[in-house]
């Protein structure tokens, strides 16, 4: 059974930092892309950052220069370092793991709450 377990969310003041992690277990085939998405109340889920198997990254414009995504392929773990956090970063952050070749898959974590507030 595939599981994505996120950790590291919480409450932080504006301007602060937080790192969230996501560990994937039960995967038999290589994970191609690992990513973070977020969903704020009343809004659609949106892409935050993606990292490919070879380390290429993509960020949403609103987090460029503040967030950094990384992964440990040996541990099937992806990290999101969030700096200079703003109240508008408040959301549930979801981890995603997907494989683009056969056998394709697309798995999601349960989400971790990140709240930026003074």
PDB file of N, CA and C in Angstrom:
ATOM      1  N   UNK A   1       0.841  -1.189   0.000  1.00  0.00           N
ATOM      2  CA  UNK A   1       0.000   0.000   0.000  1.00  0.00           C
ATOM      3  C   UNK A   1       0.879   1.243   0.000  1.00  0.00           C
ATOM      4  N   UNK A   2       0.604   2.143  -0.912  1.00  0.00           N
ATOM      5  CA  UNK A   2       1.396   3.365  -1.032  1.00  0.00           C
ATOM      6  C   UNK A   2       0.911   4.392  -0.008  1.00  0.00           C
ATOM      7  N   UNK A   3       1.857   4.991   0.680  1.00  0.00           N
ATOM      8  CA  UNK A   3       1.534   6.033   1.653  1.00  0.00           C
ATOM      9  C   UNK A   3       2.452   7.227   1.453  1.00  0.00           C
ATOM     10  N   UNK A   4       1.876   8.423   1.527  1.00  0.00           N
ATOM     11  CA  UNK A   4       2.624   9.665   1.530  1.00  0.00           C
ATOM     12  C   UNK A   4       2.340  10.340   2.865  1.00  0.00           C
ATOM     13  N   UNK A   5       3.368  10.495   3.658  1.00  0.00           N
ATOM     14  CA  UNK A   5       3.205  11.046   4.996  1.00  0.00           C
ATOM     15  C   UNK A   5       3.934  12.384   5.084  1.00  0.00           C
ATOM     16  N   UNK A   6       3.159  13.437   5.276  1.00  0.00           N
ATOM     17  CA  UNK A   6       3.713  14.784   5.384  1.00  0.00           C
ATOM     18  C   UNK A   6       3.934  15.135   6.837  1.00  0.00           C
ATOM     19  N   UNK A   7       4.908  15.985   7.075  1.00  0.00           N
ATOM     20  CA  UNK A   7       5.176  16.470   8.419  1.00  0.00           C
ATOM     21  C   UNK A   7       5.824  17.852   8.332  1.00  0.00           C
ATOM     22  N   UNK A   8       5.792  18.566   9.455  1.00  0.00           N
ATOM     23  CA  UNK A   8       6.490  19.833   9.535  1.00  0.00           C
ATOM     24  C   UNK A   8       5.631  21.061   9.433  1.00  0.00           C
ATOM     25  N   UNK A   9       4.350  20.908   9.212  1.00  0.00           N
ATOM     26  CA  UNK A   9       3.487  22.081   9.156  1.00  0.00           C
ATOM     27  C   UNK A   9       3.307  22.693  10.535  1.00  0.00           C
ATOM     28  N   UNK A  10       2.654  23.839  10.569  1.00  0.00           N
ATOM     29  CA  UNK A  10       2.407  24.477  11.849  1.00  0.00           C
ATOM     30  C   UNK A  10       2.133  25.949  11.714  1.00  0.00           C
ATOM     31  N   UNK A  11       2.260  26.640  12.833  1.00  0.00           N
ATOM     32  CA  UNK A  11       2.014  28.081  12.903  1.00  0.00           C
ATOM     33  C   UNK A  11       3.350  28.820  12.936  1.00  0.00           C
ATOM     34  N   UNK A  12       3.459  29.838  12.104  1.00  0.00           N
ATOM     35  CA  UNK A  12       4.690  30.628  12.055  1.00  0.00           C
ATOM     36  C   UNK A  12       4.323  32.088  11.842  1.00  0.00           C
ATOM     37  N   UNK A  13       5.141  32.969  12.341  1.00  0.00           N
ATOM     38  CA  UNK A  13       4.884  34.408  12.181  1.00  0.00           C
ATOM     39  C   UNK A  13       5.308  34.878  10.790  1.00  0.00           C
ATOM     40  N   UNK A  14       4.709  35.934  10.320  1.00  0.00           N
ATOM     41  CA  UNK A  14       5.143  36.502   9.030  1.00  0.00           C
ATOM     42  C   UNK A  14       6.637  36.792   9.040  1.00  0.00           C
ATOM     43  N   UNK A  15       7.283  36.429   7.928  1.00  0.00           N
ATOM     44  CA  UNK A  15       8.726  36.594   7.835  1.00  0.00           C
ATOM     45  C   UNK A  15       9.503  35.388   8.316  1.00  0.00           C
ATOM     46  N   UNK A  16       8.818  34.459   8.935  1.00  0.00           N
ATOM     47  CA  UNK A  16       9.480  33.282   9.473  1.00  0.00           C
ATOM     48  C   UNK A  16       9.703  32.198   8.437  1.00  0.00           C
ATOM     49  N   UNK A  17      10.256  31.080   8.902  1.00  0.00           N
ATOM     50  CA  UNK A  17      10.578  29.948   8.036  1.00  0.00           C
ATOM     51  C   UNK A  17       9.964  28.667   8.578  1.00  0.00           C
ATOM     52  N   UNK A  18       9.773  27.746   7.652  1.00  0.00           N
ATOM     53  CA  UNK A  18       9.212  26.453   8.006  1.00  0.00           C
ATOM     54  C   UNK A  18       9.667  25.462   6.944  1.00  0.00           C
ATOM     55  N   UNK A  19       9.900  24.219   7.347  1.00  0.00           N
ATOM     56  CA  UNK A  19      10.215  23.179   6.376  1.00  0.00           C
ATOM     57  C   UNK A  19       9.233  22.038   6.538  1.00  0.00           C
ATOM     58  N   UNK A  20       8.622  21.653   5.432  1.00  0.00           N
ATOM     59  CA  UNK A  20       7.732  20.507   5.423  1.00  0.00           C
ATOM     60  C   UNK A  20       8.398  19.364   4.661  1.00  0.00           C
ATOM     61  N   UNK A  21       8.085  18.148   5.096  1.00  0.00           N
ATOM     62  CA  UNK A  21       8.662  16.956   4.490  1.00  0.00           C
ATOM     63  C   UNK A  21       7.564  15.983   4.097  1.00  0.00           C
ATOM     64  N   UNK A  22       7.866  15.138   3.140  1.00  0.00           N
ATOM     65  CA  UNK A  22       6.918  14.115   2.712  1.00  0.00           C
ATOM     66  C   UNK A  22       7.698  12.856   2.371  1.00  0.00           C
ATOM     67  N   UNK A  23       7.399  11.792   3.078  1.00  0.00           N
ATOM     68  CA  UNK A  23       8.042  10.509   2.830  1.00  0.00           C
ATOM     69  C   UNK A  23       7.066   9.558   2.161  1.00  0.00           C
ATOM     70  N   UNK A  24       7.519   8.919   1.111  1.00  0.00           N
ATOM     71  CA  UNK A  24       6.689   8.000   0.349  1.00  0.00           C
ATOM     72  C   UNK A  24       7.133   6.574   0.626  1.00  0.00           C
ATOM     73  N   UNK A  25       6.183   5.724   0.950  1.00  0.00           N
ATOM     74  CA  UNK A  25       6.488   4.320   1.190  1.00  0.00           C
ATOM     75  C   UNK A  25       5.566   3.444   0.364  1.00  0.00           C
ATOM     76  N   UNK A  26       5.989   2.216   0.147  1.00  0.00           N
ATOM     77  CA  UNK A  26       5.160   1.279  -0.593  1.00  0.00           C
ATOM     78  C   UNK A  26       5.235   1.420  -2.101  1.00  0.00           C
ATOM     79  N   UNK A  27       6.177   2.277  -2.583  1.00  0.00           N
ATOM     80  CA  UNK A  27       6.315   2.468  -4.028  1.00  0.00           C
ATOM     81  C   UNK A  27       7.257   1.405  -4.595  1.00  0.00           C
ATOM     82  N   UNK A  28       6.842   0.772  -5.695  1.00  0.00           N
ATOM     83  CA  UNK A  28       7.688  -0.241  -6.329  1.00  0.00           C
ATOM     84  C   UNK A  28       8.499   0.329  -7.479  1.00  0.00           C
ATOM     85  N   UNK A  29       7.958   1.320  -8.144  1.00  0.00           N
ATOM     86  CA  UNK A  29       8.613   1.862  -9.336  1.00  0.00           C
ATOM     87  C   UNK A  29       9.081   3.287  -9.082  1.00  0.00           C
ATOM     88  N   UNK A  30      10.108   3.683  -9.811  1.00  0.00           N
ATOM     89  CA  UNK A  30      10.726   4.983  -9.651  1.00  0.00           C
ATOM     90  C   UNK A  30       9.709   6.118  -9.680  1.00  0.00           C
ATOM     91  N   UNK A  31       9.890   7.078  -8.770  1.00  0.00           N
ATOM     92  CA  UNK A  31       9.062   8.280  -8.768  1.00  0.00           C
ATOM     93  C   UNK A  31       9.702   9.292  -9.721  1.00  0.00           C
ATOM     94  N   UNK A  32       8.956   9.758 -10.701  1.00  0.00           N
ATOM     95  CA  UNK A  32       9.489  10.740 -11.634  1.00  0.00           C
ATOM     96  C   UNK A  32       9.454  12.147 -11.036  1.00  0.00           C
ATOM     97  N   UNK A  33       8.281  12.643 -10.783  1.00  0.00           N
ATOM     98  CA  UNK A  33       8.127  13.994 -10.237  1.00  0.00           C
ATOM     99  C   UNK A  33       7.601  13.938  -8.803  1.00  0.00           C
ATOM    100  N   UNK A  34       8.150  14.785  -7.965  1.00  0.00           N
ATOM    101  CA  UNK A  34       7.627  14.972  -6.617  1.00  0.00           C
ATOM    102  C   UNK A  34       7.313  16.454  -6.477  1.00  0.00           C
ATOM    103  N   UNK A  35       6.195  16.742  -5.855  1.00  0.00           N
ATOM    104  CA  UNK A  35       5.808  18.144  -5.802  1.00  0.00           C
ATOM    105  C   UNK A  35       4.998  18.501  -4.579  1.00  0.00           C
ATOM    106  N   UNK A  36       4.849  19.796  -4.426  1.00  0.00           N
ATOM    107  CA  UNK A  36       4.016  20.353  -3.369  1.00  0.00           C
ATOM    108  C   UNK A  36       2.948  21.240  -4.011  1.00  0.00           C
ATOM    109  N   UNK A  37       1.737  21.064  -3.523  1.00  0.00           N
ATOM    110  CA  UNK A  37       0.608  21.887  -3.925  1.00  0.00           C
ATOM    111  C   UNK A  37      -0.006  22.446  -2.655  1.00  0.00           C
ATOM    112  N   UNK A  38      -0.834  23.466  -2.793  1.00  0.00           N
ATOM    113  CA  UNK A  38      -1.498  23.998  -1.609  1.00  0.00           C
ATOM    114  C   UNK A  38      -2.906  24.437  -1.948  1.00  0.00           C
ATOM    115  N   UNK A  39      -3.727  24.443  -0.923  1.00  0.00           N
ATOM    116  CA  UNK A  39      -5.109  24.874  -1.097  1.00  0.00           C
ATOM    117  C   UNK A  39      -5.511  25.723   0.088  1.00  0.00           C
ATOM    118  N   UNK A  40      -5.832  26.966  -0.193  1.00  0.00           N
ATOM    119  CA  UNK A  40      -6.313  27.877   0.836  1.00  0.00           C
ATOM    120  C   UNK A  40      -7.831  27.805   0.894  1.00  0.00           C
ATOM    121  N   UNK A  41      -8.428  28.195   2.007  1.00  0.00           N
ATOM    122  CA  UNK A  41      -9.887  28.147   2.127  1.00  0.00           C
ATOM    123  C   UNK A  41     -10.575  28.941   1.013  1.00  0.00           C
ATOM    124  N   UNK A  42     -11.529  28.297   0.363  1.00  0.00           N
ATOM    125  CA  UNK A  42     -12.282  28.959  -0.693  1.00  0.00           C
ATOM    126  C   UNK A  42     -11.565  29.075  -2.017  1.00  0.00           C
ATOM    127  N   UNK A  43     -10.372  28.469  -2.111  1.00  0.00           N
ATOM    128  CA  UNK A  43      -9.602  28.552  -3.353  1.00  0.00           C
ATOM    129  C   UNK A  43      -9.311  27.161  -3.891  1.00  0.00           C
ATOM    130  N   UNK A  44      -8.939  27.114  -5.167  1.00  0.00           N
ATOM    131  CA  UNK A  44      -8.572  25.848  -5.768  1.00  0.00           C
ATOM    132  C   UNK A  44      -7.146  25.454  -5.377  1.00  0.00           C
ATOM    133  N   UNK A  45      -6.893  24.158  -5.471  1.00  0.00           N
ATOM    134  CA  UNK A  45      -5.532  23.683  -5.215  1.00  0.00           C
ATOM    135  C   UNK A  45      -4.598  24.216  -6.304  1.00  0.00           C
ATOM    136  N   UNK A  46      -3.425  24.670  -5.895  1.00  0.00           N
ATOM    137  CA  UNK A  46      -2.486  25.244  -6.851  1.00  0.00           C
ATOM    138  C   UNK A  46      -1.093  24.659  -6.659  1.00  0.00           C
ATOM    139  N   UNK A  47      -0.345  24.668  -7.741  1.00  0.00           N
ATOM    140  CA  UNK A  47       1.023  24.194  -7.706  1.00  0.00           C
ATOM    141  C   UNK A  47       1.900  25.159  -6.914  1.00  0.00           C
ATOM    142  N   UNK A  48       2.755  24.596  -6.059  1.00  0.00           N
ATOM    143  CA  UNK A  48       3.756  25.393  -5.362  1.00  0.00           C
ATOM    144  C   UNK A  48       5.127  25.153  -5.995  1.00  0.00           C
ATOM    145  N   UNK A  49       5.521  23.888  -6.058  1.00  0.00           N
ATOM    146  CA  UNK A  49       6.829  23.555  -6.618  1.00  0.00           C
ATOM    147  C   UNK A  49       6.867  22.088  -7.012  1.00  0.00           C
ATOM    148  N   UNK A  50       7.667  21.804  -8.043  1.00  0.00           N
ATOM    149  CA  UNK A  50       7.872  20.437  -8.501  1.00  0.00           C
ATOM    150  C   UNK A  50       9.362  20.213  -8.681  1.00  0.00           C
ATOM    151  N   UNK A  51       9.804  18.983  -8.405  1.00  0.00           N
ATOM    152  CA  UNK A  51      11.187  18.601  -8.670  1.00  0.00           C
ATOM    153  C   UNK A  51      11.187  17.257  -9.385  1.00  0.00           C
ATOM    154  N   UNK A  52      11.940  17.180 -10.478  1.00  0.00           N
ATOM    155  CA  UNK A  52      11.984  15.951 -11.258  1.00  0.00           C
ATOM    156  C   UNK A  52      13.032  14.994 -10.702  1.00  0.00           C
ATOM    157  N   UNK A  53      13.078  13.799 -11.288  1.00  0.00           N
ATOM    158  CA  UNK A  53      14.021  12.781 -10.838  1.00  0.00           C
ATOM    159  C   UNK A  53      15.470  13.239 -10.995  1.00  0.00           C
ATOM    160  N   UNK A  54      15.719  14.097 -11.978  1.00  0.00           N
ATOM    161  CA  UNK A  54      17.092  14.557 -12.196  1.00  0.00           C
ATOM    162  C   UNK A  54      17.383  15.894 -11.524  1.00  0.00           C
ATOM    163  N   UNK A  55      16.441  16.375 -10.706  1.00  0.00           N
ATOM    164  CA  UNK A  55      16.684  17.567  -9.917  1.00  0.00           C
ATOM    165  C   UNK A  55      16.227  18.881 -10.510  1.00  0.00           C
ATOM    166  N   UNK A  56      15.621  18.849 -11.677  1.00  0.00           N
ATOM    167  CA  UNK A  56      15.079  20.085 -12.250  1.00  0.00           C
ATOM    168  C   UNK A  56      13.882  20.545 -11.424  1.00  0.00           C
ATOM    169  N   UNK A  57      13.776  21.855 -11.258  1.00  0.00           N
ATOM    170  CA  UNK A  57      12.716  22.394 -10.410  1.00  0.00           C
ATOM    171  C   UNK A  57      11.847  23.404 -11.151  1.00  0.00           C
ATOM    172  N   UNK A  58      10.649  23.552 -10.654  1.00  0.00           N
ATOM    173  CA  UNK A  58       9.693  24.525 -11.180  1.00  0.00           C
ATOM    174  C   UNK A  58       8.941  25.097  -9.993  1.00  0.00           C
ATOM    175  N   UNK A  59       8.769  26.418 -10.003  1.00  0.00           N
ATOM    176  CA  UNK A  59       8.091  27.083  -8.892  1.00  0.00           C
ATOM    177  C   UNK A  59       6.959  27.967  -9.384  1.00  0.00           C
ATOM    178  N   UNK A  60       5.954  28.107  -8.541  1.00  0.00           N
ATOM    179  CA  UNK A  60       4.937  29.114  -8.797  1.00  0.00           C
ATOM    180  C   UNK A  60       5.584  30.487  -8.645  1.00  0.00           C
ATOM    181  N   UNK A  61       5.165  31.435  -9.434  1.00  0.00           N
ATOM    182  CA  UNK A  61       5.770  32.766  -9.400  1.00  0.00           C
ATOM    183  C   UNK A  61       5.710  33.386  -8.011  1.00  0.00           C
ATOM    184  N   UNK A  62       4.641  33.139  -7.288  1.00  0.00           N
ATOM    185  CA  UNK A  62       4.441  33.788  -5.993  1.00  0.00           C
ATOM    186  C   UNK A  62       5.382  33.280  -4.914  1.00  0.00           C
ATOM    187  N   UNK A  63       6.069  32.168  -5.156  1.00  0.00           N
ATOM    188  CA  UNK A  63       6.990  31.632  -4.144  1.00  0.00           C
ATOM    189  C   UNK A  63       8.446  31.655  -4.600  1.00  0.00           C
ATOM    190  N   UNK A  64       8.691  32.032  -5.855  1.00  0.00           N
ATOM    191  CA  UNK A  64      10.064  32.070  -6.363  1.00  0.00           C
ATOM    192  C   UNK A  64      10.933  32.973  -5.504  1.00  0.00           C
ATOM    193  N   UNK A  65      12.116  32.473  -5.171  1.00  0.00           N
ATOM    194  CA  UNK A  65      13.046  33.242  -4.359  1.00  0.00           C
ATOM    195  C   UNK A  65      12.815  33.091  -2.865  1.00  0.00           C
ATOM    196  N   UNK A  66      11.682  32.500  -2.491  1.00  0.00           N
ATOM    197  CA  UNK A  66      11.378  32.322  -1.056  1.00  0.00           C
ATOM    198  C   UNK A  66      11.332  30.850  -0.655  1.00  0.00           C
ATOM    199  N   UNK A  67      10.876  30.006  -1.551  1.00  0.00           N
ATOM    200  CA  UNK A  67      10.738  28.578  -1.265  1.00  0.00           C
ATOM    201  C   UNK A  67      11.782  27.796  -2.051  1.00  0.00           C
ATOM    202  N   UNK A  68      12.184  26.660  -1.486  1.00  0.00           N
ATOM    203  CA  UNK A  68      13.124  25.774  -2.173  1.00  0.00           C
ATOM    204  C   UNK A  68      12.687  24.327  -1.979  1.00  0.00           C
ATOM    205  N   UNK A  69      12.555  23.618  -3.090  1.00  0.00           N
ATOM    206  CA  UNK A  69      12.166  22.209  -3.051  1.00  0.00           C
ATOM    207  C   UNK A  69      13.412  21.351  -3.267  1.00  0.00           C
ATOM    208  N   UNK A  70      13.464  20.231  -2.570  1.00  0.00           N
ATOM    209  CA  UNK A  70      14.572  19.289  -2.730  1.00  0.00           C
ATOM    210  C   UNK A  70      14.038  17.885  -2.490  1.00  0.00           C
ATOM    211  N   UNK A  71      14.832  16.888  -2.878  1.00  0.00           N
ATOM    212  CA  UNK A  71      14.390  15.510  -2.681  1.00  0.00           C
ATOM    213  C   UNK A  71      15.588  14.625  -2.398  1.00  0.00           C
ATOM    214  N   UNK A  72      15.289  13.542  -1.696  1.00  0.00           N
ATOM    215  CA  UNK A  72      16.279  12.500  -1.425  1.00  0.00           C
ATOM    216  C   UNK A  72      15.738  11.236  -2.074  1.00  0.00           C
ATOM    217  N   UNK A  73      16.270  10.890  -3.224  1.00  0.00           N
ATOM    218  CA  UNK A  73      15.733   9.753  -3.971  1.00  0.00           C
ATOM    219  C   UNK A  73      15.923   8.434  -3.235  1.00  0.00           C
ATOM    220  N   UNK A  74      16.992   8.317  -2.491  1.00  0.00           N
ATOM    221  CA  UNK A  74      17.230   7.076  -1.751  1.00  0.00           C
ATOM    222  C   UNK A  74      16.174   6.857  -0.675  1.00  0.00           C
ATOM    223  N   UNK A  75      15.630   7.958  -0.170  1.00  0.00           N
ATOM    224  CA  UNK A  75      14.619   7.864   0.894  1.00  0.00           C
ATOM    225  C   UNK A  75      13.208   8.122   0.382  1.00  0.00           C
ATOM    226  N   UNK A  76      13.078   8.375  -0.920  1.00  0.00           N
ATOM    227  CA  UNK A  76      11.754   8.715  -1.477  1.00  0.00           C
ATOM    228  C   UNK A  76      11.091   9.817  -0.661  1.00  0.00           C
ATOM    229  N   UNK A  77      11.859  10.845  -0.389  1.00  0.00           N
ATOM    230  CA  UNK A  77      11.385  11.953   0.439  1.00  0.00           C
ATOM    231  C   UNK A  77      11.586  13.276  -0.289  1.00  0.00           C
ATOM    232  N   UNK A  78      10.596  14.138  -0.164  1.00  0.00           N
ATOM    233  CA  UNK A  78      10.685  15.470  -0.759  1.00  0.00           C
ATOM    234  C   UNK A  78      10.500  16.502   0.352  1.00  0.00           C
ATOM    235  N   UNK A  79      11.224  17.604   0.212  1.00  0.00           N
ATOM    236  CA  UNK A  79      11.201  18.656   1.215  1.00  0.00           C
ATOM    237  C   UNK A  79      10.793  19.980   0.563  1.00  0.00           C
ATOM    238  N   UNK A  80      10.217  20.848   1.372  1.00  0.00           N
ATOM    239  CA  UNK A  80       9.929  22.195   0.915  1.00  0.00           C
ATOM    240  C   UNK A  80      10.370  23.150   2.016  1.00  0.00           C
ATOM    241  N   UNK A  81      11.422  23.885   1.756  1.00  0.00           N
ATOM    242  CA  UNK A  81      11.892  24.904   2.677  1.00  0.00           C
ATOM    243  C   UNK A  81      11.201  26.209   2.326  1.00  0.00           C
ATOM    244  N   UNK A  82      10.490  26.776   3.291  1.00  0.00           N
ATOM    245  CA  UNK A  82       9.718  27.992   3.056  1.00  0.00           C
ATOM    246  C   UNK A  82      10.285  29.112   3.911  1.00  0.00           C
ATOM    247  N   UNK A  83      10.763  30.152   3.270  1.00  0.00           N
ATOM    248  CA  UNK A  83      11.333  31.308   3.958  1.00  0.00           C
ATOM    249  C   UNK A  83      10.505  32.554   3.656  1.00  0.00           C
ATOM    250  N   UNK A  84      10.708  33.567   4.461  1.00  0.00           N
ATOM    251  CA  UNK A  84      10.006  34.844   4.271  1.00  0.00           C
ATOM    252  C   UNK A  84       8.510  34.618   4.084  1.00  0.00           C
ATOM    253  N   UNK A  85       7.952  33.830   4.958  1.00  0.00           N
ATOM    254  CA  UNK A  85       6.543  33.451   4.813  1.00  0.00           C
ATOM    255  C   UNK A  85       5.624  34.652   4.997  1.00  0.00           C
ATOM    256  N   UNK A  86       4.531  34.621   4.241  1.00  0.00           N
ATOM    257  CA  UNK A  86       3.535  35.692   4.265  1.00  0.00           C
ATOM    258  C   UNK A  86       2.187  35.108   4.670  1.00  0.00           C
ATOM    259  N   UNK A  87       1.300  35.930   5.188  1.00  0.00           N
ATOM    260  CA  UNK A  87      -0.034  35.426   5.553  1.00  0.00           C
ATOM    261  C   UNK A  87      -0.739  34.741   4.382  1.00  0.00           C
ATOM    262  N   UNK A  88      -0.494  35.201   3.175  1.00  0.00           N
ATOM    263  CA  UNK A  88      -1.145  34.587   2.010  1.00  0.00           C
ATOM    264  C   UNK A  88      -0.572  33.211   1.662  1.00  0.00           C
ATOM    265  N   UNK A  89       0.475  32.790   2.346  1.00  0.00           N
ATOM    266  CA  UNK A  89       0.980  31.433   2.175  1.00  0.00           C
ATOM    267  C   UNK A  89       0.192  30.431   3.018  1.00  0.00           C
ATOM    268  N   UNK A  90      -0.693  30.923   3.853  1.00  0.00           N
ATOM    269  CA  UNK A  90      -1.507  30.053   4.690  1.00  0.00           C
ATOM    270  C   UNK A  90      -2.364  29.138   3.833  1.00  0.00           C
ATOM    271  N   UNK A  91      -2.246  27.839   4.071  1.00  0.00           N
ATOM    272  CA  UNK A  91      -2.980  26.858   3.265  1.00  0.00           C
ATOM    273  C   UNK A  91      -2.685  25.464   3.808  1.00  0.00           C
ATOM    274  N   UNK A  92      -3.413  24.499   3.288  1.00  0.00           N
ATOM    275  CA  UNK A  92      -3.047  23.094   3.491  1.00  0.00           C
ATOM    276  C   UNK A  92      -2.105  22.720   2.356  1.00  0.00           C
ATOM    277  N   UNK A  93      -0.955  22.201   2.708  1.00  0.00           N
ATOM    278  CA  UNK A  93       0.057  21.835   1.725  1.00  0.00           C
ATOM    279  C   UNK A  93       0.008  20.326   1.499  1.00  0.00           C
ATOM    280  N   UNK A  94      -0.087  19.957   0.225  1.00  0.00           N
ATOM    281  CA  UNK A  94      -0.207  18.563  -0.160  1.00  0.00           C
ATOM    282  C   UNK A  94       1.024  18.111  -0.942  1.00  0.00           C
ATOM    283  N   UNK A  95       1.473  16.932  -0.610  1.00  0.00           N
ATOM    284  CA  UNK A  95       2.587  16.311  -1.311  1.00  0.00           C
ATOM    285  C   UNK A  95       2.037  15.458  -2.469  1.00  0.00           C
ATOM    286  N   UNK A  96       2.780  15.425  -3.561  1.00  0.00           N
ATOM    287  CA  UNK A  96       2.387  14.628  -4.720  1.00  0.00           C
ATOM    288  C   UNK A  96       3.577  13.837  -5.252  1.00  0.00           C
ATOM    289  N   UNK A  97       3.322  12.606  -5.639  1.00  0.00           N
ATOM    290  CA  UNK A  97       4.349  11.765  -6.266  1.00  0.00           C
ATOM    291  C   UNK A  97       3.738  11.121  -7.501  1.00  0.00           C
ATOM    292  N   UNK A  98       4.421  11.247  -8.636  1.00  0.00           N
ATOM    293  CA  UNK A  98       3.842  10.687  -9.841  1.00  0.00           C
ATOM    294  C   UNK A  98       4.914  10.059 -10.733  1.00  0.00           C
ATOM    295  N   UNK A  99       4.438   9.115 -11.516  1.00  0.00           N
ATOM    296  CA  UNK A  99       5.295   8.441 -12.475  1.00  0.00           C
ATOM    297  C   UNK A  99       4.687   8.647 -13.845  1.00  0.00           C
ATOM    298  N   UNK A 100       5.500   9.036 -14.822  1.00  0.00           N
ATOM    299  CA  UNK A 100       4.984   9.412 -16.124  1.00  0.00           C
ATOM    300  C   UNK A 100       4.980   8.256 -17.110  1.00  0.00           C
ATOM    301  N   UNK A 101       5.849   7.283 -16.901  1.00  0.00           N
ATOM    302  CA  UNK A 101       5.904   6.116 -17.786  1.00  0.00           C
ATOM    303  C   UNK A 101       5.115   4.971 -17.183  1.00  0.00           C
ATOM    304  N   UNK A 102       4.856   3.938 -18.005  1.00  0.00           N
ATOM    305  CA  UNK A 102       4.143   2.766 -17.510  1.00  0.00           C
ATOM    306  C   UNK A 102       4.954   2.064 -16.431  1.00  0.00           C
ATOM    307  N   UNK A 103       4.359   1.643 -15.354  1.00  0.00           N
ATOM    308  CA  UNK A 103       2.974   1.879 -14.944  1.00  0.00           C
ATOM    309  C   UNK A 103       2.816   3.266 -14.306  1.00  0.00           C
ATOM    310  N   UNK A 104       1.941   4.038 -14.886  1.00  0.00           N
ATOM    311  CA  UNK A 104       1.739   5.394 -14.384  1.00  0.00           C
ATOM    312  C   UNK A 104       1.028   5.374 -13.028  1.00  0.00           C
ATOM    313  N   UNK A 105       1.355   6.388 -12.217  1.00  0.00           N
ATOM    314  CA  UNK A 105       0.612   6.589 -10.981  1.00  0.00           C
ATOM    315  C   UNK A 105       0.682   8.055 -10.582  1.00  0.00           C
ATOM    316  N   UNK A 106      -0.179   8.418  -9.671  1.00  0.00           N
ATOM    317  CA  UNK A 106      -0.290   9.806  -9.217  1.00  0.00           C
ATOM    318  C   UNK A 106      -0.873   9.753  -7.811  1.00  0.00           C
ATOM    319  N   UNK A 107      -0.007   9.897  -6.817  1.00  0.00           N
ATOM    320  CA  UNK A 107      -0.420   9.749  -5.435  1.00  0.00           C
ATOM    321  C   UNK A 107      -0.341  11.078  -4.686  1.00  0.00           C
ATOM    322  N   UNK A 108      -1.238  11.219  -3.706  1.00  0.00           N
ATOM    323  CA  UNK A 108      -1.315  12.442  -2.899  1.00  0.00           C
ATOM    324  C   UNK A 108      -1.225  12.126  -1.415  1.00  0.00           C
ATOM    325  N   UNK A 109      -0.626  13.042  -0.689  1.00  0.00           N
ATOM    326  CA  UNK A 109      -0.619  12.952   0.756  1.00  0.00           C
ATOM    327  C   UNK A 109      -1.910  13.501   1.333  1.00  0.00           C
ATOM    328  N   UNK A 110      -2.023  13.418   2.654  1.00  0.00           N
ATOM    329  CA  UNK A 110      -3.261  13.839   3.320  1.00  0.00           C
ATOM    330  C   UNK A 110      -3.288  15.340   3.588  1.00  0.00           C
ATOM    331  N   UNK A 111      -2.134  15.986   3.438  1.00  0.00           N
ATOM    332  CA  UNK A 111      -2.050  17.430   3.645  1.00  0.00           C
ATOM    333  C   UNK A 111      -1.560  17.801   5.034  1.00  0.00           C
ATOM    334  N   UNK A 112      -0.848  18.915   5.082  1.00  0.00           N
ATOM    335  CA  UNK A 112      -0.390  19.455   6.361  1.00  0.00           C
ATOM    336  C   UNK A 112      -0.676  20.956   6.381  1.00  0.00           C
ATOM    337  N   UNK A 113      -1.209  21.420   7.493  1.00  0.00           N
ATOM    338  CA  UNK A 113      -1.623  22.822   7.596  1.00  0.00           C
ATOM    339  C   UNK A 113      -0.423  23.719   7.873  1.00  0.00           C
ATOM    340  N   UNK A 114      -0.308  24.771   7.100  1.00  0.00           N
ATOM    341  CA  UNK A 114       0.677  25.818   7.350  1.00  0.00           C
ATOM    342  C   UNK A 114      -0.090  27.118   7.554  1.00  0.00           C
ATOM    343  N   UNK A 115       0.108  27.728   8.704  1.00  0.00           N
ATOM    344  CA  UNK A 115      -0.575  28.976   9.037  1.00  0.00           C
ATOM    345  C   UNK A 115       0.455  30.053   9.328  1.00  0.00           C
ATOM    346  N   UNK A 116       0.351  31.155   8.608  1.00  0.00           N
ATOM    347  CA  UNK A 116       1.273  32.275   8.803  1.00  0.00           C
ATOM    348  C   UNK A 116       0.463  33.420   9.405  1.00  0.00           C
ATOM    349  N   UNK A 117       0.742  33.700  10.657  1.00  0.00           N
ATOM    350  CA  UNK A 117      -0.049  34.701  11.361  1.00  0.00           C
ATOM    351  C   UNK A 117       0.733  35.233  12.549  1.00  0.00           C
ATOM    352  N   UNK A 118       0.484  36.480  12.883  1.00  0.00           N
ATOM    353  CA  UNK A 118       1.103  37.061  14.068  1.00  0.00           C
ATOM    354  C   UNK A 118       0.172  36.959  15.265  1.00  0.00           C
TER     355      UNK A 118
END
